Amino acid sequence: MTKLSPDIASRFARTALGHVGQEYPNKLDHVMAGAEDARTPRELHPVFFGSFDWHSCVHSWWTLLALRRLHPELPEAAEIAALAEQTFTDEKLAAELAYAQRPEARGFERPYGWAWLLYLHLEASRHQDQAWATRLEPLARHFAAGFTSYLEVLTYPITVGTHFNSAFALTLAEEWARTFDPALHTAIAEYASAKFGHFKDYRGWEPGGDEFLSPVLSVALLQSRIMATGGFADWFAALLPEGGWLETSCSPVAVSDASDGKMAHLDGLNFSRGWALRAIATKLPDPARADAMEHLAGQHMAASMHAIDGDYMGSHWLASFALLALLER
């Protein structure tokens, strides 16, 4: 299994530093109320205008801050800190909050971008030598309140393998809520139990051609976070019986055209599967199955490491997902 060595950390850092401040090309999630709302990405989002889209910029910043904390000796660490200090200012973050509070922004980046912003705030809180978390907190609290309202109206969880996936977003939000919002943590646990607790005998049709998440493993990862270990092991055995989909059909995927943003999603699927498989393996009582899942995770991750700093359609976001997998355990 690949480990987060200083060389890999530096590679990830250089890649992310190269695009968090790159405004174009840019894909906006922007509802306009009038002609006056036709503005550039940097005007709309003075903090998160880079990395092709808002959510990728958010989680690329998570990547940079995590690398700075875990490898403070990196030559890129000082540059990360200096750029963060220039970027995470009260004025710029107030503009991001004002945008998110617009009536037209109710569904802006929901739930994927919301979750990553919470995860970024959680990581920023670990950098106690800086004020980044204090400055990010109003925006994080806004999206946390959004999650509370969203779960009240989300009658049916979304189980696609793309940005709208409910379980993936709730996994990141749950970790933030453990520290910052006990009420939201309870709401997430109760929602997951009610909506996913009865799942069993998975027979889905993944992977989809543009997915970067496994619908079934995303749900299982969330459940592994909120269920007691013994109860989760029994639930997982019913969801993915040994000898079924996981052993026969869950294999690394290949990207046919790395310059096509949708096709490039499949490299992310290799990494997100790797993350989920590694995390779930730690909750299983059967060492043989756990070891097999760890091995399978390594195969998935190895299949896409080359894409981290490849075509921009992948390189503007893939390091974050590789880092999730590498940091598990």
Protein backbone atom coordinates (compact mmCIF):
# COMPACT_ATOMS: atom_id res chain seq x y z
CA MET A 1 0.00 0.00 0.00
CA THR A 2 1.32 3.44 -0.97
CA LYS A 3 1.98 5.67 2.03
CA LEU A 4 1.97 9.46 2.34
CA SER A 5 5.72 9.89 2.06
CA PRO A 6 7.28 13.35 1.96
CA ASP A 7 7.79 12.94 -1.79
CA ILE A 8 4.13 12.14 -2.40
CA ALA A 9 3.02 14.91 -0.04
CA SER A 10 5.20 17.40 -1.93
CA ARG A 11 3.81 16.16 -5.25
CA PHE A 12 0.24 16.66 -4.04
CA ALA A 13 1.08 20.09 -2.60
CA ARG A 14 2.71 21.32 -5.80
CA THR A 15 -0.27 20.14 -7.82
CA ALA A 16 -2.84 21.87 -5.60
CA LEU A 17 -0.80 25.06 -5.29
CA GLY A 18 -0.76 25.20 -9.06
CA HIS A 19 -4.53 25.46 -9.40
CA VAL A 20 -6.21 26.88 -6.26
CA GLY A 21 -5.47 30.32 -7.67
CA GLN A 22 -6.15 29.45 -11.32
CA GLU A 23 -9.41 31.15 -12.27
CA TYR A 24 -9.92 29.70 -15.74
CA PRO A 25 -11.23 27.42 -17.12
CA ASN A 26 -14.10 27.65 -14.66
CA LYS A 27 -17.44 25.91 -14.23
CA LEU A 28 -19.89 27.92 -12.11
CA ASP A 29 -22.84 26.74 -10.05
CA HIS A 30 -24.56 30.11 -10.24
CA VAL A 31 -28.24 31.11 -10.34
CA MET A 32 -28.68 34.68 -11.59
CA ALA A 33 -31.52 36.85 -10.35
CA GLY A 34 -30.78 39.53 -12.93
CA ALA A 35 -28.22 40.88 -15.38
CA GLU A 36 -26.23 42.37 -12.51
CA ASP A 37 -25.36 38.81 -11.39
CA ALA A 38 -23.38 38.13 -14.56
CA ARG A 39 -19.93 38.34 -12.98
CA THR A 40 -16.56 36.58 -13.10
CA PRO A 41 -15.69 33.67 -10.80
CA ARG A 42 -13.25 35.79 -8.78
CA GLU A 43 -15.86 38.51 -8.32
CA LEU A 44 -18.44 35.99 -7.14
CA HIS A 45 -16.07 33.92 -5.02
CA PRO A 46 -12.98 35.83 -3.87
CA VAL A 47 -11.76 32.82 -1.86
CA PHE A 48 -12.81 29.77 -3.88
CA PHE A 49 -12.50 30.93 -7.48
CA GLY A 50 -9.80 28.49 -8.59
CA SER A 51 -9.48 24.78 -9.34
CA PHE A 52 -12.10 24.75 -12.14
CA ASP A 53 -15.10 24.86 -9.75
CA TRP A 54 -16.01 26.02 -6.26
CA HIS A 55 -16.10 22.65 -4.53
CA SER A 56 -12.79 21.50 -6.03
CA CYS A 57 -11.16 24.68 -4.78
CA VAL A 58 -12.55 24.04 -1.30
CA HIS A 59 -11.26 20.51 -1.07
CA SER A 60 -7.96 21.41 -2.69
CA TRP A 61 -7.50 23.87 0.17
CA TRP A 62 -8.31 21.03 2.56
CA THR A 63 -5.55 19.04 0.85
CA LEU A 64 -3.05 21.86 1.25
CA LEU A 65 -3.80 22.50 4.91
CA ALA A 66 -3.72 18.79 5.74
CA LEU A 67 -0.34 18.41 4.04
CA ARG A 68 1.03 21.45 5.84
CA ARG A 69 0.02 19.96 9.20
CA LEU A 70 1.19 16.42 8.50
CA HIS A 71 4.45 17.37 6.78
CA PRO A 72 5.52 20.76 8.14
CA GLU A 73 9.02 20.13 6.82
CA LEU A 74 7.88 20.24 3.21
CA PRO A 75 9.42 23.02 1.09
CA GLU A 76 5.84 23.89 0.08
CA ALA A 77 4.59 24.32 3.67
CA ALA A 78 5.62 27.97 3.97
CA GLU A 79 4.02 28.79 0.62
CA ILE A 80 0.80 27.09 1.71
CA ALA A 81 0.67 29.14 4.89
CA ALA A 82 1.43 32.41 3.14
CA LEU A 83 -1.18 31.82 0.44
CA ALA A 84 -3.78 30.77 3.00
CA GLU A 85 -3.17 33.95 4.99
CA GLN A 86 -3.69 36.03 1.85
CA THR A 87 -6.79 34.07 0.91
CA PHE A 88 -8.69 33.40 4.13
CA THR A 89 -9.28 37.02 5.10
CA ASP A 90 -12.34 38.31 6.93
CA GLU A 91 -13.34 40.45 3.98
CA LYS A 92 -13.11 37.70 1.36
CA LEU A 93 -14.88 35.13 3.53
CA ALA A 94 -17.63 37.61 4.30
CA ALA A 95 -18.22 37.86 0.56
CA GLU A 96 -18.43 34.07 0.29
CA LEU A 97 -20.96 34.00 3.13
CA ALA A 98 -23.02 36.78 1.57
CA TYR A 99 -23.15 34.81 -1.68
CA ALA A 100 -24.26 31.64 0.12
CA GLN A 101 -27.01 33.59 1.91
CA ARG A 102 -28.62 34.81 -1.34
CA PRO A 103 -32.15 33.42 -1.83
CA GLU A 104 -31.00 32.07 -5.19
CA ALA A 105 -28.20 30.12 -3.50
CA ARG A 106 -30.38 27.77 -1.46
CA GLY A 107 -29.19 24.79 -3.49
CA PHE A 108 -25.69 26.13 -4.19
CA GLU A 109 -23.18 23.26 -3.87
CA ARG A 110 -25.68 21.17 -1.88
CA PRO A 111 -24.59 18.81 -0.38
CA TYR A 112 -21.12 18.08 -1.75
CA GLY A 113 -19.60 21.55 -1.50
CA TRP A 114 -21.22 22.12 1.88
CA ALA A 115 -19.62 18.97 3.26
CA TRP A 116 -16.18 19.83 1.95
CA LEU A 117 -16.39 23.32 3.44
CA LEU A 118 -17.12 21.78 6.84
CA TYR A 119 -14.20 19.40 6.36
CA LEU A 120 -11.93 22.31 5.45
CA HIS A 121 -13.01 24.17 8.57
CA LEU A 122 -12.30 21.08 10.68
CA GLU A 123 -8.80 20.84 9.23
CA ALA A 124 -8.22 24.57 9.70
CA SER A 125 -9.10 24.17 13.38
CA ARG A 126 -6.07 21.90 13.76
CA HIS A 127 -3.72 24.73 12.76
CA GLN A 128 -3.70 26.48 16.10
CA ASP A 129 -0.91 28.82 15.06
CA GLN A 130 -3.27 30.48 12.59
CA ALA A 131 -6.69 32.21 12.66
CA TRP A 132 -8.02 30.43 9.59
CA ALA A 133 -10.64 28.38 11.43
CA THR A 134 -12.03 31.42 13.23
CA ARG A 135 -12.44 33.22 9.92
CA LEU A 136 -13.99 30.17 8.19
CA GLU A 137 -16.42 29.37 11.00
CA PRO A 138 -19.32 31.68 9.98
CA LEU A 139 -19.43 30.06 6.55
CA ALA A 140 -19.18 26.60 8.11
CA ARG A 141 -22.03 27.38 10.50
CA HIS A 142 -24.15 28.56 7.58
CA PHE A 143 -23.73 25.28 5.74
CA ALA A 144 -24.22 23.26 8.93
CA ALA A 145 -27.59 24.95 9.40
CA GLY A 146 -28.30 24.15 5.77
CA PHE A 147 -27.65 20.46 6.42
CA THR A 148 -30.13 20.47 9.31
CA SER A 149 -32.83 21.96 7.09
CA TYR A 150 -31.90 19.76 4.14
CA LEU A 151 -32.27 16.52 6.08
CA GLU A 152 -35.74 17.59 7.13
CA VAL A 153 -36.92 17.74 3.51
CA LEU A 154 -34.74 15.00 1.96
CA THR A 155 -37.39 12.29 2.06
CA TYR A 156 -35.30 9.91 -0.05
CA PRO A 157 -31.49 9.80 0.14
CA ILE A 158 -29.65 10.29 -3.14
CA THR A 159 -27.52 7.26 -4.00
CA VAL A 160 -25.91 8.23 -7.30
CA GLY A 161 -22.13 8.10 -7.64
CA THR A 162 -21.64 11.81 -8.26
CA HIS A 163 -21.80 15.10 -6.34
CA PHE A 164 -25.37 14.71 -5.10
CA ASN A 165 -24.62 11.52 -3.16
CA SER A 166 -26.10 11.87 0.31
CA ALA A 167 -23.93 9.37 2.18
CA PHE A 168 -20.59 10.82 1.08
CA ALA A 169 -21.55 14.34 2.12
CA LEU A 170 -22.91 13.13 5.45
CA THR A 171 -19.70 11.21 6.14
CA LEU A 172 -17.64 14.41 5.94
CA ALA A 173 -20.27 16.47 7.77
CA GLU A 174 -20.54 13.87 10.54
CA GLU A 175 -16.85 14.17 11.33
CA TRP A 176 -17.10 17.97 11.54
CA ALA A 177 -20.26 17.77 13.65
CA ARG A 178 -18.61 15.50 16.20
CA THR A 179 -16.50 18.47 17.23
CA PHE A 180 -18.61 21.51 16.40
CA ASP A 181 -22.32 20.65 16.37
CA PRO A 182 -23.65 17.78 18.55
CA ALA A 183 -27.23 18.41 17.40
CA LEU A 184 -26.27 18.04 13.75
CA HIS A 185 -24.29 14.93 14.59
CA THR A 186 -27.38 13.40 16.15
CA ALA A 187 -29.50 14.40 13.17
CA ILE A 188 -27.05 12.78 10.76
CA ALA A 189 -26.87 9.56 12.78
CA GLU A 190 -30.65 9.35 13.03
CA TYR A 191 -31.11 10.04 9.33
CA ALA A 192 -28.53 7.45 8.31
CA SER A 193 -30.05 4.85 10.59
CA ALA A 194 -33.56 5.49 9.28
CA LYS A 195 -32.67 5.65 5.60
CA PHE A 196 -29.84 3.12 5.29
CA GLY A 197 -30.27 0.78 8.24
CA HIS A 198 -32.50 -1.61 6.29
CA PHE A 199 -30.22 -1.91 3.25
CA LYS A 200 -29.11 -5.46 2.45
CA ASP A 201 -28.10 -7.83 -0.36
CA TYR A 202 -26.65 -5.21 -2.72
CA ARG A 203 -27.15 -5.98 -6.41
CA GLY A 204 -26.44 -2.61 -8.01
CA TRP A 205 -25.15 -1.69 -11.42
CA GLU A 206 -21.91 0.10 -10.67
CA PRO A 207 -19.74 1.60 -11.86
CA GLY A 208 -21.63 4.17 -13.85
CA GLY A 209 -19.65 5.76 -16.64
CA ASP A 210 -19.11 9.13 -14.93
CA GLU A 211 -19.12 8.17 -11.25
CA PHE A 212 -16.41 9.06 -8.75
CA LEU A 213 -18.19 7.46 -5.80
CA SER A 214 -19.43 3.93 -5.19
CA PRO A 215 -23.09 4.18 -4.14
CA VAL A 216 -22.89 1.09 -1.94
CA LEU A 217 -19.47 1.72 -0.39
CA SER A 218 -20.38 5.36 0.33
CA VAL A 219 -23.35 4.18 2.37
CA ALA A 220 -21.25 1.52 4.09
CA LEU A 221 -18.56 4.07 4.98
CA LEU A 222 -21.13 6.35 6.59
CA GLN A 223 -22.67 3.47 8.53
CA SER A 224 -19.23 2.41 9.75
CA ARG A 225 -18.86 5.84 11.32
CA ILE A 226 -22.16 5.88 13.19
CA MET A 227 -22.82 2.23 14.10
CA ALA A 228 -21.22 0.27 16.93
CA THR A 229 -18.55 -2.07 15.57
CA GLY A 230 -20.44 -5.32 16.18
CA GLY A 231 -23.69 -4.02 14.78
CA PHE A 232 -21.94 -2.61 11.74
CA ALA A 233 -20.18 -5.91 11.00
CA ASP A 234 -23.51 -7.74 10.95
CA TRP A 235 -25.15 -5.01 8.82
CA PHE A 236 -22.23 -5.05 6.35
CA ALA A 237 -22.34 -8.84 6.05
CA ALA A 238 -26.01 -8.57 5.10
CA LEU A 239 -25.35 -5.70 2.67
CA LEU A 240 -22.40 -7.30 0.87
CA PRO A 241 -22.40 -11.04 1.63
CA GLU A 242 -18.99 -12.63 1.28
CA GLY A 243 -18.47 -14.04 -2.18
CA GLY A 244 -20.84 -11.50 -3.75
CA TRP A 245 -20.37 -8.15 -5.49
CA LEU A 246 -17.38 -7.04 -3.46
CA GLU A 247 -15.34 -10.11 -4.30
CA THR A 248 -16.56 -10.69 -7.84
CA SER A 249 -17.22 -7.26 -9.36
CA CYS A 250 -15.42 -4.54 -7.39
CA SER A 251 -12.24 -4.11 -9.41
CA PRO A 252 -10.26 -1.00 -10.42
CA VAL A 253 -11.72 0.99 -13.29
CA ALA A 254 -9.98 2.58 -16.27
CA VAL A 255 -10.37 6.05 -17.80
CA SER A 256 -10.82 6.10 -21.56
CA ASP A 257 -10.12 9.83 -22.01
CA ALA A 258 -8.50 11.78 -19.20
CA SER A 259 -9.24 15.10 -20.94
CA ASP A 260 -13.00 14.47 -20.64
CA GLY A 261 -14.06 15.68 -17.22
CA LYS A 262 -16.84 13.13 -16.87
CA MET A 263 -14.66 10.20 -17.90
CA ALA A 264 -11.93 11.43 -15.56
CA HIS A 265 -14.37 10.93 -12.68
CA LEU A 266 -13.49 7.24 -12.77
CA ASP A 267 -10.00 7.92 -11.40
CA GLY A 268 -11.77 9.44 -8.42
CA LEU A 269 -13.84 6.28 -8.08
CA ASN A 270 -10.66 4.27 -7.65
CA PHE A 271 -9.55 6.58 -4.84
CA SER A 272 -12.92 6.87 -3.08
CA ARG A 273 -13.37 3.11 -3.19
CA GLY A 274 -9.88 2.76 -1.75
CA TRP A 275 -10.79 5.12 1.09
CA ALA A 276 -14.03 3.32 1.88
CA LEU A 277 -12.51 -0.15 1.66
CA ARG A 278 -9.67 0.75 4.03
CA ALA A 279 -12.01 2.37 6.54
CA ILE A 280 -14.57 -0.42 6.49
CA ALA A 281 -11.89 -3.12 6.83
CA THR A 282 -10.98 -1.81 10.28
CA LYS A 283 -14.52 -2.52 11.51
CA LEU A 284 -14.70 -6.17 10.41
CA PRO A 285 -14.04 -9.08 12.79
CA ASP A 286 -12.84 -11.43 10.04
CA PRO A 287 -9.12 -10.75 9.48
CA ALA A 288 -9.09 -12.58 6.16
CA ARG A 289 -11.85 -10.45 4.66
CA ALA A 290 -10.39 -7.29 6.13
CA ASP A 291 -6.98 -8.08 4.64
CA ALA A 292 -8.56 -8.82 1.27
CA MET A 293 -10.33 -5.45 1.35
CA GLU A 294 -7.10 -3.68 2.24
CA HIS A 295 -5.40 -5.39 -0.70
CA LEU A 296 -8.27 -4.43 -3.00
CA ALA A 297 -7.99 -0.83 -1.80
CA GLY A 298 -4.33 -0.80 -2.73
CA GLN A 299 -5.09 -2.08 -6.21
CA HIS A 300 -7.67 0.67 -6.75
CA MET A 301 -5.34 3.40 -5.57
CA ALA A 302 -2.38 2.19 -7.61
CA ALA A 303 -4.51 2.22 -10.74
CA SER A 304 -4.97 6.01 -10.62
CA MET A 305 -1.93 7.52 -8.88
CA HIS A 306 -0.56 8.55 -12.27
CA ALA A 307 -3.54 10.90 -12.78
CA ILE A 308 -2.84 13.12 -9.75
CA ASP A 309 -0.81 15.57 -11.81
CA GLY A 310 -2.00 14.55 -15.27
CA ASP A 311 -4.65 16.26 -17.39
CA TYR A 312 -6.30 19.25 -15.69
CA MET A 313 -9.72 17.59 -15.81
CA GLY A 314 -8.38 15.22 -13.18
CA SER A 315 -5.50 17.08 -11.59
CA HIS A 316 -7.69 19.93 -10.31
CA TRP A 317 -9.30 17.58 -7.76
CA LEU A 318 -7.91 14.05 -7.60
CA ALA A 319 -5.22 14.69 -4.98
CA SER A 320 -7.93 15.28 -2.38
CA PHE A 321 -9.45 11.85 -2.92
CA ALA A 322 -6.08 10.13 -2.98
CA LEU A 323 -5.26 11.87 0.30
CA LEU A 324 -8.50 10.68 1.93
CA ALA A 325 -7.47 7.12 1.15
CA LEU A 326 -3.86 7.54 2.21
CA LEU A 327 -4.81 9.11 5.55
CA GLU A 328 -7.29 6.39 6.51
CA ARG A 329 -5.98 4.67 9.66
